[in-house]
Amino acid sequence: MAKTKDAQPQTEDEETEAEAEGAPQEKKPSFLTRWMSTKLIVIAAAGMVALGAVGGGAYYFVGGRSDAAPAAAKITPPVFFDLPDILVNLSSSGSDRTQYL
């Protein structure tokens, strides 16, 4: 007697074969799907690096300063030295008159 597709299997072996035939096969992700997930991971990592850089820069330039005024530097009076007179010749290019400073 020939079995039809609608007939119920009689043994366990036939049941597993019937389930395997009727069950959809699992599809492997396509190249595009894998590429998109890799691209998403790279974009997320780049975003995290950018946010870290912005946060570090903000801390360095804005948040890292303290409100307390720095200690006042000790102000010393200016010092003057007496130097002898010095004669300097300013070179003149093609002029008849010699210039001195």
Protein backbone atom coordinates (compact mmCIF):
# COMPACT_ATOMS: atom_id res chain seq x y z
CA MET A 1 0.00 0.00 0.00
CA ALA A 2 1.44 3.38 -1.01
CA LYS A 3 1.69 6.15 1.58
CA THR A 4 0.45 9.62 0.78
CA LYS A 5 1.76 12.90 2.17
CA ASP A 6 -1.29 13.29 4.38
CA ALA A 7 -0.89 9.88 5.99
CA GLN A 8 0.51 9.78 9.53
CA PRO A 9 3.90 8.03 9.98
CA GLN A 10 3.81 4.76 11.89
CA THR A 11 7.24 4.62 13.58
CA GLU A 12 9.61 7.04 15.32
CA ASP A 13 12.12 6.95 12.46
CA GLU A 14 9.43 7.95 10.04
CA GLU A 15 8.31 10.75 12.41
CA THR A 16 11.78 12.32 12.55
CA GLU A 17 12.12 12.08 8.77
CA ALA A 18 8.73 13.71 8.31
CA GLU A 19 9.63 16.52 10.72
CA ALA A 20 12.93 17.07 8.92
CA GLU A 21 11.21 17.27 5.56
CA GLY A 22 8.51 19.67 6.73
CA ALA A 23 10.73 21.90 8.87
CA PRO A 24 12.20 24.94 7.16
CA GLN A 25 15.95 24.88 6.79
CA GLU A 26 17.92 27.40 8.80
CA LYS A 27 19.41 30.05 6.57
CA LYS A 28 22.91 31.28 7.13
CA PRO A 29 23.19 35.06 7.30
CA SER A 30 24.09 36.54 3.98
CA PHE A 31 27.24 38.55 3.36
CA LEU A 32 25.24 41.78 3.44
CA THR A 33 23.75 40.96 6.84
CA ARG A 34 27.15 40.12 8.32
CA TRP A 35 28.65 43.25 6.76
CA MET A 36 25.91 45.45 8.21
CA SER A 37 26.40 44.01 11.69
CA THR A 38 30.16 44.54 11.43
CA LYS A 39 29.58 48.06 10.16
CA LEU A 40 27.25 48.75 13.09
CA ILE A 41 29.87 47.56 15.58
CA VAL A 42 32.57 49.74 13.97
CA ILE A 43 30.29 52.80 13.98
CA ALA A 44 29.39 52.20 17.64
CA ALA A 45 33.07 51.86 18.59
CA ALA A 46 33.97 55.05 16.70
CA GLY A 47 31.14 56.86 18.46
CA MET A 48 32.39 55.73 21.84
CA VAL A 49 35.92 56.93 21.02
CA ALA A 50 34.56 60.29 19.85
CA LEU A 51 32.48 60.72 23.00
CA GLY A 52 35.50 59.85 25.13
CA ALA A 53 37.61 62.42 23.31
CA VAL A 54 34.98 65.13 23.73
CA GLY A 55 34.54 64.29 27.41
CA GLY A 56 38.29 64.25 28.02
CA GLY A 57 38.73 67.57 26.24
CA ALA A 58 35.89 69.13 28.21
CA TYR A 59 37.40 67.89 31.46
CA TYR A 60 40.85 69.15 30.49
CA PHE A 61 39.76 72.62 29.34
CA VAL A 62 36.74 73.30 31.56
CA GLY A 63 36.44 70.89 34.46
CA GLY A 64 40.08 70.47 35.38
CA ARG A 65 40.53 74.00 36.70
CA SER A 66 40.22 74.75 40.38
CA ASP A 67 38.38 77.81 41.69
CA ALA A 68 41.10 78.71 44.19
CA ALA A 69 43.42 81.50 43.08
CA PRO A 70 47.04 80.48 42.65
CA ALA A 71 49.47 81.63 45.30
CA ALA A 72 50.70 85.15 44.63
CA ALA A 73 54.24 85.21 43.31
CA LYS A 74 56.74 87.19 45.30
CA ILE A 75 57.31 90.45 43.44
CA THR A 76 60.91 91.58 43.38
CA PRO A 77 61.95 95.13 42.51
CA PRO A 78 63.48 95.68 39.06
CA VAL A 79 67.28 95.65 38.74
CA PHE A 80 69.20 98.20 36.65
CA PHE A 81 72.81 97.90 35.46
CA ASP A 82 75.04 100.77 34.41
CA LEU A 83 76.57 100.03 31.00
CA PRO A 84 79.23 102.07 29.20
CA ASP A 85 78.31 103.98 26.04
CA ILE A 86 78.40 101.85 22.88
CA LEU A 87 78.80 103.16 19.33
CA VAL A 88 76.96 101.12 16.67
CA ASN A 89 77.42 101.68 12.94
CA LEU A 90 74.19 101.26 10.96
CA SER A 91 75.18 100.06 7.54
CA SER A 92 73.91 102.19 4.74
CA SER A 93 73.54 100.75 1.30
CA GLY A 94 74.87 103.24 -1.22
CA SER A 95 74.37 106.31 0.95
CA ASP A 96 77.13 108.93 1.31
CA ARG A 97 76.28 109.65 4.89
CA THR A 98 77.33 107.18 7.63
CA GLN A 99 74.71 106.57 10.31
CA TYR A 100 75.48 105.78 13.91
CA LEU A 101 73.25 104.77 16.79
